PDB file of N, CA and C in Angstrom:
ATOM      1  N   MET A   1      -8.618  10.516  -9.979  1.00  0.00           N
ATOM      2  CA  MET A   1      -7.754   9.862 -10.925  1.00  0.00           C
ATOM      3  C   MET A   1      -7.972   8.347 -10.867  1.00  0.00           C
ATOM      4  N   ILE A   2      -8.090   7.810  -9.652  1.00  0.00           N
ATOM      5  CA  ILE A   2      -8.285   6.363  -9.502  1.00  0.00           C
ATOM      6  C   ILE A   2      -9.581   5.930 -10.177  1.00  0.00           C
ATOM      7  N   LEU A   3     -10.641   6.693  -9.967  1.00  0.00           N
ATOM      8  CA  LEU A   3     -11.923   6.339 -10.584  1.00  0.00           C
ATOM      9  C   LEU A   3     -11.829   6.368 -12.105  1.00  0.00           C
ATOM     10  N   SER A   4     -11.124   7.341 -12.656  1.00  0.00           N
ATOM     11  CA  SER A   4     -10.948   7.416 -14.108  1.00  0.00           C
ATOM     12  C   SER A   4     -10.145   6.237 -14.631  1.00  0.00           C
ATOM     13  N   LEU A   5      -9.080   5.879 -13.906  1.00  0.00           N
ATOM     14  CA  LEU A   5      -8.292   4.714 -14.318  1.00  0.00           C
ATOM     15  C   LEU A   5      -9.146   3.449 -14.312  1.00  0.00           C
ATOM     16  N   ARG A   6      -9.904   3.268 -13.256  1.00  0.00           N
ATOM     17  CA  ARG A   6     -10.769   2.085 -13.169  1.00  0.00           C
ATOM     18  C   ARG A   6     -11.748   2.029 -14.328  1.00  0.00           C
ATOM     19  N   GLU A   7     -12.360   3.160 -14.613  1.00  0.00           N
ATOM     20  CA  GLU A   7     -13.359   3.201 -15.683  1.00  0.00           C
ATOM     21  C   GLU A   7     -12.721   2.913 -17.044  1.00  0.00           C
ATOM     22  N   ASN A   8     -11.569   3.510 -17.295  1.00  0.00           N
ATOM     23  CA  ASN A   8     -10.913   3.333 -18.591  1.00  0.00           C
ATOM     24  C   ASN A   8     -10.310   1.950 -18.781  1.00  0.00           C
ATOM     25  N   LEU A   9      -9.949   1.281 -17.706  1.00  0.00           N
ATOM     26  CA  LEU A   9      -9.311  -0.037 -17.812  1.00  0.00           C
ATOM     27  C   LEU A   9     -10.284  -1.187 -17.597  1.00  0.00           C
ATOM     28  N   LYS A  10     -11.530  -0.860 -17.276  1.00  0.00           N
ATOM     29  CA  LYS A  10     -12.528  -1.881 -16.971  1.00  0.00           C
ATOM     30  C   LYS A  10     -12.741  -2.839 -18.145  1.00  0.00           C
ATOM     31  N   GLU A  11     -12.825  -2.325 -19.361  1.00  0.00           N
ATOM     32  CA  GLU A  11     -13.048  -3.175 -20.538  1.00  0.00           C
ATOM     33  C   GLU A  11     -11.932  -4.193 -20.725  1.00  0.00           C
ATOM     34  N   ASP A  12     -10.722  -3.828 -20.351  1.00  0.00           N
ATOM     35  CA  ASP A  12      -9.578  -4.725 -20.484  1.00  0.00           C
ATOM     36  C   ASP A  12      -9.404  -5.633 -19.268  1.00  0.00           C
ATOM     37  N   ARG A  13     -10.353  -5.530 -18.330  1.00  0.00           N
ATOM     38  CA  ARG A  13     -10.345  -6.330 -17.106  1.00  0.00           C
ATOM     39  C   ARG A  13      -9.055  -6.120 -16.306  1.00  0.00           C
ATOM     40  N   ILE A  14      -8.636  -4.878 -16.242  1.00  0.00           N
ATOM     41  CA  ILE A  14      -7.473  -4.503 -15.442  1.00  0.00           C
ATOM     42  C   ILE A  14      -7.997  -3.744 -14.226  1.00  0.00           C
ATOM     43  N   GLY A  15      -7.719  -4.284 -13.058  1.00  0.00           N
ATOM     44  CA  GLY A  15      -8.161  -3.649 -11.831  1.00  0.00           C
ATOM     45  C   GLY A  15      -7.157  -2.621 -11.346  1.00  0.00           C
ATOM     46  N   VAL A  16      -7.636  -1.658 -10.623  1.00  0.00           N
ATOM     47  CA  VAL A  16      -6.787  -0.620 -10.042  1.00  0.00           C
ATOM     48  C   VAL A  16      -7.047  -0.617  -8.537  1.00  0.00           C
ATOM     49  N   THR A  17      -5.993  -0.828  -7.760  1.00  0.00           N
ATOM     50  CA  THR A  17      -6.097  -0.846  -6.306  1.00  0.00           C
ATOM     51  C   THR A  17      -5.370   0.365  -5.738  1.00  0.00           C
ATOM     52  N   LEU A  18      -6.033   1.086  -4.877  1.00  0.00           N
ATOM     53  CA  LEU A  18      -5.428   2.215  -4.182  1.00  0.00           C
ATOM     54  C   LEU A  18      -4.915   1.718  -2.842  1.00  0.00           C
ATOM     55  N   LEU A  19      -3.601   1.787  -2.643  1.00  0.00           N
ATOM     56  CA  LEU A  19      -2.998   1.420  -1.358  1.00  0.00           C
ATOM     57  C   LEU A  19      -2.818   2.691  -0.542  1.00  0.00           C
ATOM     58  N   LYS A  20      -3.280   2.635   0.700  1.00  0.00           N
ATOM     59  CA  LYS A  20      -3.126   3.781   1.599  1.00  0.00           C
ATOM     60  C   LYS A  20      -2.368   3.307   2.833  1.00  0.00           C
ATOM     61  N   PRO A  21      -1.032   3.244   2.709  1.00  0.00           N
ATOM     62  CA  PRO A  21      -0.254   2.752   3.851  1.00  0.00           C
ATOM     63  C   PRO A  21       0.008   3.840   4.883  1.00  0.00           C
ATOM     64  N   GLY A  22       0.312   3.363   6.078  1.00  0.00           N
ATOM     65  CA  GLY A  22       0.785   4.269   7.120  1.00  0.00           C
ATOM     66  C   GLY A  22       2.253   4.572   6.864  1.00  0.00           C
ATOM     67  N   TYR A  23       3.009   4.716   7.907  1.00  0.00           N
ATOM     68  CA  TYR A  23       4.433   5.024   7.762  1.00  0.00           C
ATOM     69  C   TYR A  23       5.200   3.774   7.335  1.00  0.00           C
ATOM     70  N   ILE A  24       5.754   3.820   6.132  1.00  0.00           N
ATOM     71  CA  ILE A  24       6.558   2.705   5.623  1.00  0.00           C
ATOM     72  C   ILE A  24       8.009   2.959   6.016  1.00  0.00           C
ATOM     73  N   ALA A  25       8.693   1.904   6.399  1.00  0.00           N
ATOM     74  CA  ALA A  25      10.071   2.025   6.904  1.00  0.00           C
ATOM     75  C   ALA A  25      11.053   2.343   5.782  1.00  0.00           C
ATOM     76  N   THR A  26      10.970   3.555   5.274  1.00  0.00           N
ATOM     77  CA  THR A  26      11.938   4.047   4.298  1.00  0.00           C
ATOM     78  C   THR A  26      13.001   4.839   5.054  1.00  0.00           C
ATOM     79  N   PRO A  27      14.142   5.088   4.438  1.00  0.00           N
ATOM     80  CA  PRO A  27      15.172   5.870   5.123  1.00  0.00           C
ATOM     81  C   PRO A  27      14.660   7.236   5.606  1.00  0.00           C
ATOM     82  N   GLU A  28      13.791   7.866   4.824  1.00  0.00           N
ATOM     83  CA  GLU A  28      13.266   9.184   5.206  1.00  0.00           C
ATOM     84  C   GLU A  28      12.384   9.089   6.443  1.00  0.00           C
ATOM     85  N   VAL A  29      11.535   8.084   6.484  1.00  0.00           N
ATOM     86  CA  VAL A  29      10.647   7.903   7.631  1.00  0.00           C
ATOM     87  C   VAL A  29      11.451   7.555   8.880  1.00  0.00           C
ATOM     88  N   ILE A  30      12.417   6.660   8.732  1.00  0.00           N
ATOM     89  CA  ILE A  30      13.268   6.297   9.874  1.00  0.00           C
ATOM     90  C   ILE A  30      13.980   7.524  10.409  1.00  0.00           C
ATOM     91  N   LYS A  31      14.500   8.355   9.506  1.00  0.00           N
ATOM     92  CA  LYS A  31      15.200   9.579   9.925  1.00  0.00           C
ATOM     93  C   LYS A  31      14.250  10.506  10.681  1.00  0.00           C
ATOM     94  N   ASP A  32      13.033  10.685  10.148  1.00  0.00           N
ATOM     95  CA  ASP A  32      12.039  11.527  10.830  1.00  0.00           C
ATOM     96  C   ASP A  32      11.701  10.973  12.210  1.00  0.00           C
ATOM     97  N   PHE A  33      11.536   9.655  12.301  1.00  0.00           N
ATOM     98  CA  PHE A  33      11.233   9.037  13.589  1.00  0.00           C
ATOM     99  C   PHE A  33      12.368   9.279  14.578  1.00  0.00           C
ATOM    100  N   GLU A  34      13.597   9.115  14.129  1.00  0.00           N
ATOM    101  CA  GLU A  34      14.739   9.324  15.024  1.00  0.00           C
ATOM    102  C   GLU A  34      14.810  10.766  15.502  1.00  0.00           C
ATOM    103  N   GLU A  35      14.501  11.704  14.598  1.00  0.00           N
ATOM    104  CA  GLU A  35      14.547  13.131  14.961  1.00  0.00           C
ATOM    105  C   GLU A  35      13.446  13.506  15.961  1.00  0.00           C
ATOM    106  N   THR A  36      12.353  12.777  15.954  1.00  0.00           N
ATOM    107  CA  THR A  36      11.242  13.093  16.855  1.00  0.00           C
ATOM    108  C   THR A  36      11.154  12.111  18.031  1.00  0.00           C
ATOM    109  N   ASN A  37      12.198  11.300  18.186  1.00  0.00           N
ATOM    110  CA  ASN A  37      12.252  10.293  19.258  1.00  0.00           C
ATOM    111  C   ASN A  37      11.076   9.313  19.232  1.00  0.00           C
ATOM    112  N   THR A  38      10.596   9.026  18.034  1.00  0.00           N
ATOM    113  CA  THR A  38       9.550   8.014  17.849  1.00  0.00           C
ATOM    114  C   THR A  38      10.243   6.683  17.615  1.00  0.00           C
ATOM    115  N   PRO A  39       9.811   5.629  18.292  1.00  0.00           N
ATOM    116  CA  PRO A  39      10.443   4.330  18.064  1.00  0.00           C
ATOM    117  C   PRO A  39      10.354   3.918  16.588  1.00  0.00           C
ATOM    118  N   VAL A  40      11.481   3.544  16.012  1.00  0.00           N
ATOM    119  CA  VAL A  40      11.506   3.211  14.583  1.00  0.00           C
ATOM    120  C   VAL A  40      10.733   1.937  14.274  1.00  0.00           C
ATOM    121  N   ASP A  41      10.469   1.111  15.278  1.00  0.00           N
ATOM    122  CA  ASP A  41       9.713  -0.113  15.002  1.00  0.00           C
ATOM    123  C   ASP A  41       8.222   0.166  14.787  1.00  0.00           C
ATOM    124  N   TYR A  42       7.793   1.422  14.867  1.00  0.00           N
ATOM    125  CA  TYR A  42       6.421   1.784  14.515  1.00  0.00           C
ATOM    126  C   TYR A  42       6.211   1.770  13.003  1.00  0.00           C
ATOM    127  N   ALA A  43       7.284   1.893  12.250  1.00  0.00           N
ATOM    128  CA  ALA A  43       7.171   1.928  10.790  1.00  0.00           C
ATOM    129  C   ALA A  43       6.849   0.535  10.253  1.00  0.00           C
ATOM    130  N   ILE A  44       6.049   0.490   9.200  1.00  0.00           N
ATOM    131  CA  ILE A  44       5.686  -0.768   8.560  1.00  0.00           C
ATOM    132  C   ILE A  44       6.874  -1.243   7.734  1.00  0.00           C
ATOM    133  N   PRO A  45       7.354  -2.467   7.971  1.00  0.00           N
ATOM    134  CA  PRO A  45       8.482  -2.969   7.170  1.00  0.00           C
ATOM    135  C   PRO A  45       8.110  -3.030   5.688  1.00  0.00           C
ATOM    136  N   LEU A  46       9.051  -2.667   4.858  1.00  0.00           N
ATOM    137  CA  LEU A  46       8.827  -2.669   3.415  1.00  0.00           C
ATOM    138  C   LEU A  46       8.444  -4.059   2.917  1.00  0.00           C
ATOM    139  N   THR A  47       8.978  -5.090   3.567  1.00  0.00           N
ATOM    140  CA  THR A  47       8.645  -6.454   3.157  1.00  0.00           C
ATOM    141  C   THR A  47       7.145  -6.738   3.333  1.00  0.00           C
ATOM    142  N   GLY A  48       6.533  -6.124   4.335  1.00  0.00           N
ATOM    143  CA  GLY A  48       5.096  -6.284   4.534  1.00  0.00           C
ATOM    144  C   GLY A  48       4.300  -5.687   3.382  1.00  0.00           C
ATOM    145  N   ILE A  49       4.723  -4.531   2.900  1.00  0.00           N
ATOM    146  CA  ILE A  49       4.054  -3.895   1.761  1.00  0.00           C
ATOM    147  C   ILE A  49       4.227  -4.751   0.514  1.00  0.00           C
ATOM    148  N   PHE A  50       5.442  -5.273   0.308  1.00  0.00           N
ATOM    149  CA  PHE A  50       5.691  -6.145  -0.855  1.00  0.00           C
ATOM    150  C   PHE A  50       4.816  -7.391  -0.795  1.00  0.00           C
ATOM    151  N   THR A  51       4.639  -7.959   0.383  1.00  0.00           N
ATOM    152  CA  THR A  51       3.803  -9.144   0.533  1.00  0.00           C
ATOM    153  C   THR A  51       2.361  -8.842   0.152  1.00  0.00           C
ATOM    154  N   ILE A  52       1.861  -7.689   0.574  1.00  0.00           N
ATOM    155  CA  ILE A  52       0.491  -7.284   0.230  1.00  0.00           C
ATOM    156  C   ILE A  52       0.346  -7.123  -1.278  1.00  0.00           C
ATOM    157  N   ILE A  53       1.303  -6.460  -1.913  1.00  0.00           N
ATOM    158  CA  ILE A  53       1.247  -6.245  -3.362  1.00  0.00           C
ATOM    159  C   ILE A  53       1.309  -7.582  -4.103  1.00  0.00           C
ATOM    160  N   GLU A  54       2.202  -8.471  -3.682  1.00  0.00           N
ATOM    161  CA  GLU A  54       2.290  -9.788  -4.315  1.00  0.00           C
ATOM    162  C   GLU A  54       0.969 -10.542  -4.182  1.00  0.00           C
ATOM    163  N   SER A  55       0.336 -10.439  -3.031  1.00  0.00           N
ATOM    164  CA  SER A  55      -0.944 -11.122  -2.813  1.00  0.00           C
ATOM    165  C   SER A  55      -2.018 -10.573  -3.748  1.00  0.00           C
ATOM    166  N   ILE A  56      -2.031  -9.272  -3.942  1.00  0.00           N
ATOM    167  CA  ILE A  56      -3.006  -8.666  -4.852  1.00  0.00           C
ATOM    168  C   ILE A  56      -2.782  -9.170  -6.275  1.00  0.00           C
ATOM    169  N   PHE A  57      -1.513  -9.263  -6.697  1.00  0.00           N
ATOM    170  CA  PHE A  57      -1.206  -9.739  -8.045  1.00  0.00           C
ATOM    171  C   PHE A  57      -1.607 -11.201  -8.245  1.00  0.00           C
ATOM    172  N   LYS A  58      -1.663 -11.976  -7.180  1.00  0.00           N
ATOM    173  CA  LYS A  58      -2.017 -13.386  -7.280  1.00  0.00           C
ATOM    174  C   LYS A  58      -3.521 -13.624  -7.387  1.00  0.00           C
ATOM    175  N   LEU A  59      -4.305 -12.596  -7.164  1.00  0.00           N
ATOM    176  CA  LEU A  59      -5.755 -12.742  -7.252  1.00  0.00           C
ATOM    177  C   LEU A  59      -6.184 -13.023  -8.688  1.00  0.00           C
ATOM    178  N   SER A  60      -7.290 -13.699  -8.810  1.00  0.00           N
ATOM    179  CA  SER A  60      -7.908 -13.924 -10.117  1.00  0.00           C
ATOM    180  C   SER A  60      -8.311 -12.579 -10.717  1.00  0.00           C
ATOM    181  N   ASN A  61      -8.392 -12.529 -12.045  1.00  0.00           N
ATOM    182  CA  ASN A  61      -8.852 -11.276 -12.664  1.00  0.00           C
ATOM    183  C   ASN A  61     -10.350 -11.066 -12.446  1.00  0.00           C
ATOM    184  N   ARG A  62     -10.993 -11.994 -11.780  1.00  0.00           N
ATOM    185  CA  ARG A  62     -12.401 -11.841 -11.414  1.00  0.00           C
ATOM    186  C   ARG A  62     -12.537 -11.097 -10.085  1.00  0.00           C
ATOM    187  N   ALA A  63     -11.437 -10.948  -9.376  1.00  0.00           N
ATOM    188  CA  ALA A  63     -11.459 -10.260  -8.082  1.00  0.00           C
ATOM    189  C   ALA A  63     -10.711  -8.937  -8.202  1.00  0.00           C
ATOM    190  N   ASN A  64     -11.185  -7.963  -7.479  1.00  0.00           N
ATOM    191  CA  ASN A  64     -10.522  -6.664  -7.485  1.00  0.00           C
ATOM    192  C   ASN A  64     -10.651  -6.042  -6.100  1.00  0.00           C
ATOM    193  N   ILE A  65      -9.543  -5.575  -5.597  1.00  0.00           N
ATOM    194  CA  ILE A  65      -9.543  -4.836  -4.340  1.00  0.00           C
ATOM    195  C   ILE A  65      -9.486  -3.363  -4.719  1.00  0.00           C
ATOM    196  N   ASN A  66     -10.564  -2.656  -4.466  1.00  0.00           N
ATOM    197  CA  ASN A  66     -10.608  -1.240  -4.843  1.00  0.00           C
ATOM    198  C   ASN A  66      -9.662  -0.385  -4.014  1.00  0.00           C
ATOM    199  N   GLU A  67      -9.671  -0.617  -2.705  1.00  0.00           N
ATOM    200  CA  GLU A  67      -8.908   0.242  -1.808  1.00  0.00           C
ATOM    201  C   GLU A  67      -8.442  -0.583  -0.615  1.00  0.00           C
ATOM    202  N   LEU A  68      -7.236  -0.335  -0.198  1.00  0.00           N
ATOM    203  CA  LEU A  68      -6.685  -1.072   0.937  1.00  0.00           C
ATOM    204  C   LEU A  68      -5.948  -0.098   1.832  1.00  0.00           C
ATOM    205  N   GLU A  69      -6.466   0.079   3.044  1.00  0.00           N
ATOM    206  CA  GLU A  69      -5.826   0.960   4.026  1.00  0.00           C
ATOM    207  C   GLU A  69      -4.967   0.109   4.943  1.00  0.00           C
ATOM    208  N   ILE A  70      -3.715   0.514   5.097  1.00  0.00           N
ATOM    209  CA  ILE A  70      -2.750  -0.227   5.909  1.00  0.00           C
ATOM    210  C   ILE A  70      -2.219   0.735   6.972  1.00  0.00           C
ATOM    211  N   PRO A  71      -2.946   0.880   8.068  1.00  0.00           N
ATOM    212  CA  PRO A  71      -2.512   1.848   9.072  1.00  0.00           C
ATOM    213  C   PRO A  71      -1.299   1.360   9.857  1.00  0.00           C
ATOM    214  N   THR A  72      -0.531   2.287  10.327  1.00  0.00           N
ATOM    215  CA  THR A  72       0.575   1.990  11.211  1.00  0.00           C
ATOM    216  C   THR A  72       0.025   1.771  12.614  1.00  0.00           C
ATOM    217  N   MET A  73       0.448   0.704  13.240  1.00  0.00           N
ATOM    218  CA  MET A  73       0.004   0.415  14.599  1.00  0.00           C
ATOM    219  C   MET A  73       0.918   1.171  15.572  1.00  0.00           C
ATOM    220  N   LEU A  74       0.405   2.221  16.170  1.00  0.00           N
ATOM    221  CA  LEU A  74       1.199   3.009  17.126  1.00  0.00           C
ATOM    222  C   LEU A  74       0.851   2.651  18.534  1.00  0.00           C
TER     223      LEU A  74
END
């Protein structure tokens, strides 16, 4: 799907970035961590994800990040 989006939006110079985050600190993830006795500070703060997205939006339309993996540091 990502490749099709990229191909179809290429003429309009619209980039498509695939974000592959680790565990984001959502209520569901925090609950799962608590149930499995995993420290909740292993989850990536949502503000960190927002910062990454804002940074991508600030790039020139001449630059494109195809894929960005954001692993959780355990």
